[in-house]
Each structure stands twice: as structure tokens, then as C-alpha cells.
């Protein structure tokens, strides 16, 4: 799992979560996720393949987690001020990090969606 260590000054700063942010007008969730990953960490779209999504609907607004797989664990290095570090973290070790509360709450559902998107295999 590729996680972002959020800058202390950001919303829930100092926690770990997924790269991402708000969609621009007319963007799909996949386009926004790709743009945010490139902006926040320099992650190139050629380094992953989108395989699914999980929508966390709050009635009136929602948060979409775009699920992607990569055949290489490259670490992006073009970090912005929003990002302290980007790290590959084994799924079984997520509980060792202080997670962003929203991510922590939805993690089980995201994992279920990821497994369904990949036929149960790890990316």
C-alpha cells in the first residue's frame, strides 16, 4: 500500500493516508487521483494501472478511493509541501502508523473493494 505522511500543517497533519484531494470541475475520480498523485508525489500515470474504486457516500458528498496496482514498488520523489514522505507499507503493518481518521474508518471497506477489483490477489 502506497501511503503519504501528511505535513504537520495540513488537515490531520502528521498522519498517514492516501495521496489525493478534491476533484476539479469535469474530472473523473480516476483523473483527479492521477493528478493529485502526480502533484503531491510526482507519481507517473505510467507506473500504475487503475483496477477499481471504492465510494464512501456520506449523503450529499462522497469520497472516492481509486484503487490501482503497480508491478514495481518505485518510490516517487517529487514531494510537495503537503507530503513529508511517501512509503510502501505492507497491509498487515498499517496498524503501526497513525492513520488519517477518515482513512482508518474506511480502510476495511477499501481493502474489500481492492480485493474484489483484483480477484483477491495482492497487486
C-alpha atoms as a PDB file:
ATOM      1  CA  UNK A   1       0.000   0.000   0.000  1.00  0.00           C
ATOM      2  CA  UNK A   2       1.484   3.364  -1.026  1.00  0.00           C
ATOM      3  CA  UNK A   3       0.864   5.859   1.766  1.00  0.00           C
ATOM      4  CA  UNK A   4       1.503   9.554   2.242  1.00  0.00           C
ATOM      5  CA  UNK A   5       2.802  11.025   5.502  1.00  0.00           C
ATOM      6  CA  UNK A   6       0.887  14.295   5.652  1.00  0.00           C
ATOM      7  CA  UNK A   7       2.624  17.565   6.508  1.00  0.00           C
ATOM      8  CA  UNK A   8       2.004  18.735  10.081  1.00  0.00           C
ATOM      9  CA  UNK A   9       0.236  21.929   8.933  1.00  0.00           C
ATOM     10  CA  UNK A  10      -2.290  20.012   6.776  1.00  0.00           C
ATOM     11  CA  UNK A  11      -5.688  18.618   7.789  1.00  0.00           C
ATOM     12  CA  UNK A  12      -4.910  15.867  10.326  1.00  0.00           C
ATOM     13  CA  UNK A  13      -1.237  16.613   9.809  1.00  0.00           C
ATOM     14  CA  UNK A  14       1.305  14.052  10.888  1.00  0.00           C
ATOM     15  CA  UNK A  15      -0.973  11.157   9.993  1.00  0.00           C
ATOM     16  CA  UNK A  16      -0.648   8.645   7.169  1.00  0.00           C
ATOM     17  CA  UNK A  17      -3.196   8.232   4.412  1.00  0.00           C
ATOM     18  CA  UNK A  18      -3.677   8.006   0.694  1.00  0.00           C
ATOM     19  CA  UNK A  19      -2.484  10.540  -1.834  1.00  0.00           C
ATOM     20  CA  UNK A  20      -5.429  12.591  -3.020  1.00  0.00           C
ATOM     21  CA  UNK A  21      -7.566  15.666  -2.857  1.00  0.00           C
ATOM     22  CA  UNK A  22     -10.548  17.423  -4.344  1.00  0.00           C
ATOM     23  CA  UNK A  23     -11.693  16.959  -7.919  1.00  0.00           C
ATOM     24  CA  UNK A  24     -11.531  19.809 -10.375  1.00  0.00           C
ATOM     25  CA  UNK A  25     -14.671  20.585 -12.332  1.00  0.00           C
ATOM     26  CA  UNK A  26     -15.241  17.952 -15.008  1.00  0.00           C
ATOM     27  CA  UNK A  27     -12.662  15.469 -13.675  1.00  0.00           C
ATOM     28  CA  UNK A  28     -13.476  11.843 -13.057  1.00  0.00           C
ATOM     29  CA  UNK A  29     -12.320  10.323  -9.777  1.00  0.00           C
ATOM     30  CA  UNK A  30      -9.584   8.483 -11.681  1.00  0.00           C
ATOM     31  CA  UNK A  31      -8.361  11.665 -13.372  1.00  0.00           C
ATOM     32  CA  UNK A  32      -8.339  13.548 -10.059  1.00  0.00           C
ATOM     33  CA  UNK A  33      -6.490  10.730  -8.291  1.00  0.00           C
ATOM     34  CA  UNK A  34      -3.862  10.644 -11.020  1.00  0.00           C
ATOM     35  CA  UNK A  35      -3.438  14.422 -10.960  1.00  0.00           C
ATOM     36  CA  UNK A  36      -3.163  14.510  -7.162  1.00  0.00           C
ATOM     37  CA  UNK A  37      -0.650  11.633  -7.089  1.00  0.00           C
ATOM     38  CA  UNK A  38       1.461  13.445  -9.673  1.00  0.00           C
ATOM     39  CA  UNK A  39       1.174  16.803  -7.882  1.00  0.00           C
ATOM     40  CA  UNK A  40       1.828  15.505  -4.362  1.00  0.00           C
ATOM     41  CA  UNK A  41       4.479  12.906  -5.080  1.00  0.00           C
ATOM     42  CA  UNK A  42       5.500  13.015  -8.737  1.00  0.00           C
ATOM     43  CA  UNK A  43       3.890   9.630  -9.359  1.00  0.00           C
ATOM     44  CA  UNK A  44       3.720   8.997 -13.100  1.00  0.00           C
ATOM     45  CA  UNK A  45       0.495   7.540 -14.503  1.00  0.00           C
ATOM     46  CA  UNK A  46       2.538   5.017 -16.477  1.00  0.00           C
ATOM     47  CA  UNK A  47       3.704   3.443 -13.201  1.00  0.00           C
ATOM     48  CA  UNK A  48       0.287   2.010 -12.240  1.00  0.00           C
ATOM     49  CA  UNK A  49      -2.962   0.613 -13.635  1.00  0.00           C
ATOM     50  CA  UNK A  50      -6.349   1.614 -12.229  1.00  0.00           C
ATOM     51  CA  UNK A  51      -8.309  -1.524 -11.311  1.00  0.00           C
ATOM     52  CA  UNK A  52     -11.255  -0.263  -9.267  1.00  0.00           C
ATOM     53  CA  UNK A  53     -12.748   2.221  -6.862  1.00  0.00           C
ATOM     54  CA  UNK A  54     -14.480   2.469  -3.508  1.00  0.00           C
ATOM     55  CA  UNK A  55     -17.056   5.209  -2.911  1.00  0.00           C
ATOM     56  CA  UNK A  56     -17.613   6.287   0.702  1.00  0.00           C
ATOM     57  CA  UNK A  57     -21.001   8.046   0.423  1.00  0.00           C
ATOM     58  CA  UNK A  58     -21.971  10.480   3.166  1.00  0.00           C
ATOM     59  CA  UNK A  59     -25.237  11.681   1.621  1.00  0.00           C
ATOM     60  CA  UNK A  60     -24.599  14.979  -0.133  1.00  0.00           C
ATOM     61  CA  UNK A  61     -20.877  14.363  -0.509  1.00  0.00           C
ATOM     62  CA  UNK A  62     -18.660  11.351  -1.052  1.00  0.00           C
ATOM     63  CA  UNK A  63     -15.031  10.355  -1.074  1.00  0.00           C
ATOM     64  CA  UNK A  64     -13.842   8.036  -3.848  1.00  0.00           C
ATOM     65  CA  UNK A  65     -10.755   5.907  -3.330  1.00  0.00           C
ATOM     66  CA  UNK A  66      -9.255   4.912  -6.666  1.00  0.00           C
ATOM     67  CA  UNK A  67      -7.579   1.510  -6.497  1.00  0.00           C
ATOM     68  CA  UNK A  68      -4.523   0.906  -8.659  1.00  0.00           C
ATOM     69  CA  UNK A  69      -1.858  -1.747  -8.978  1.00  0.00           C
ATOM     70  CA  UNK A  70       1.787  -1.438  -9.904  1.00  0.00           C
ATOM     71  CA  UNK A  71       4.265  -4.071 -10.998  1.00  0.00           C
ATOM     72  CA  UNK A  72       7.093  -2.198  -9.297  1.00  0.00           C
ATOM     73  CA  UNK A  73       7.409  -0.577  -5.884  1.00  0.00           C
ATOM     74  CA  UNK A  74       9.018   2.622  -7.137  1.00  0.00           C
ATOM     75  CA  UNK A  75       9.100   5.448  -4.637  1.00  0.00           C
ATOM     76  CA  UNK A  76       8.117   8.794  -6.096  1.00  0.00           C
ATOM     77  CA  UNK A  77      10.470  11.570  -5.055  1.00  0.00           C
ATOM     78  CA  UNK A  78       8.886  14.820  -6.254  1.00  0.00           C
ATOM     79  CA  UNK A  79       7.229  15.597  -2.930  1.00  0.00           C
ATOM     80  CA  UNK A  80       5.361  18.842  -2.336  1.00  0.00           C
ATOM     81  CA  UNK A  81       4.989  20.776   0.908  1.00  0.00           C
ATOM     82  CA  UNK A  82       1.868  18.669   1.648  1.00  0.00           C
ATOM     83  CA  UNK A  83       3.921  15.482   1.854  1.00  0.00           C
ATOM     84  CA  UNK A  84       6.608  14.611   4.392  1.00  0.00           C
ATOM     85  CA  UNK A  85       7.212  11.128   2.998  1.00  0.00           C
ATOM     86  CA  UNK A  86       5.703   8.525   0.682  1.00  0.00           C
ATOM     87  CA  UNK A  87       6.246   4.901   1.684  1.00  0.00           C
ATOM     88  CA  UNK A  88       5.184   1.403   0.615  1.00  0.00           C
ATOM     89  CA  UNK A  89       3.640  -0.176   3.712  1.00  0.00           C
ATOM     90  CA  UNK A  90       2.629  -3.844   3.935  1.00  0.00           C
ATOM     91  CA  UNK A  91      -1.126  -4.124   4.532  1.00  0.00           C
ATOM     92  CA  UNK A  92      -0.512  -6.086   7.727  1.00  0.00           C
ATOM     93  CA  UNK A  93       1.523  -3.215   9.193  1.00  0.00           C
ATOM     94  CA  UNK A  94      -0.915  -0.328   8.707  1.00  0.00           C
ATOM     95  CA  UNK A  95      -1.878  -0.523  12.377  1.00  0.00           C
ATOM     96  CA  UNK A  96       1.673   0.535  13.285  1.00  0.00           C
ATOM     97  CA  UNK A  97       1.154   4.023  11.826  1.00  0.00           C
ATOM     98  CA  UNK A  98      -1.007   6.927  12.999  1.00  0.00           C
ATOM     99  CA  UNK A  99      -3.590   6.843  10.206  1.00  0.00           C
ATOM    100  CA  UNK A 100      -5.708   9.744   8.976  1.00  0.00           C
ATOM    101  CA  UNK A 101      -9.048   9.208  10.783  1.00  0.00           C
ATOM    102  CA  UNK A 102     -11.086   9.121   7.559  1.00  0.00           C
ATOM    103  CA  UNK A 103      -8.765   6.545   6.021  1.00  0.00           C
ATOM    104  CA  UNK A 104      -8.700   4.486   9.220  1.00  0.00           C
ATOM    105  CA  UNK A 105     -12.511   4.422   9.316  1.00  0.00           C
ATOM    106  CA  UNK A 106     -12.910   3.306   5.700  1.00  0.00           C
ATOM    107  CA  UNK A 107      -9.847   1.037   5.458  1.00  0.00           C
ATOM    108  CA  UNK A 108     -11.714  -2.271   5.832  1.00  0.00           C
ATOM    109  CA  UNK A 109     -14.150  -1.318   3.051  1.00  0.00           C
ATOM    110  CA  UNK A 110     -11.317  -0.079   0.803  1.00  0.00           C
ATOM    111  CA  UNK A 111      -9.446  -3.360   1.326  1.00  0.00           C
ATOM    112  CA  UNK A 112     -12.581  -5.361   0.480  1.00  0.00           C
ATOM    113  CA  UNK A 113     -13.079  -3.293  -2.700  1.00  0.00           C
ATOM    114  CA  UNK A 114      -9.401  -3.707  -3.633  1.00  0.00           C
ATOM    115  CA  UNK A 115      -9.579  -7.470  -3.217  1.00  0.00           C
ATOM    116  CA  UNK A 116     -12.772  -7.604  -5.286  1.00  0.00           C
ATOM    117  CA  UNK A 117     -11.130  -5.454  -8.008  1.00  0.00           C
ATOM    118  CA  UNK A 118      -8.126  -7.764  -8.250  1.00  0.00           C
ATOM    119  CA  UNK A 119      -9.892 -11.101  -7.842  1.00  0.00           C
ATOM    120  CA  UNK A 120      -8.461 -11.456  -4.350  1.00  0.00           C
ATOM    121  CA  UNK A 121      -4.819 -11.252  -5.361  1.00  0.00           C
ATOM    122  CA  UNK A 122      -2.356  -8.730  -3.995  1.00  0.00           C
ATOM    123  CA  UNK A 123      -1.164  -6.173  -6.525  1.00  0.00           C
END
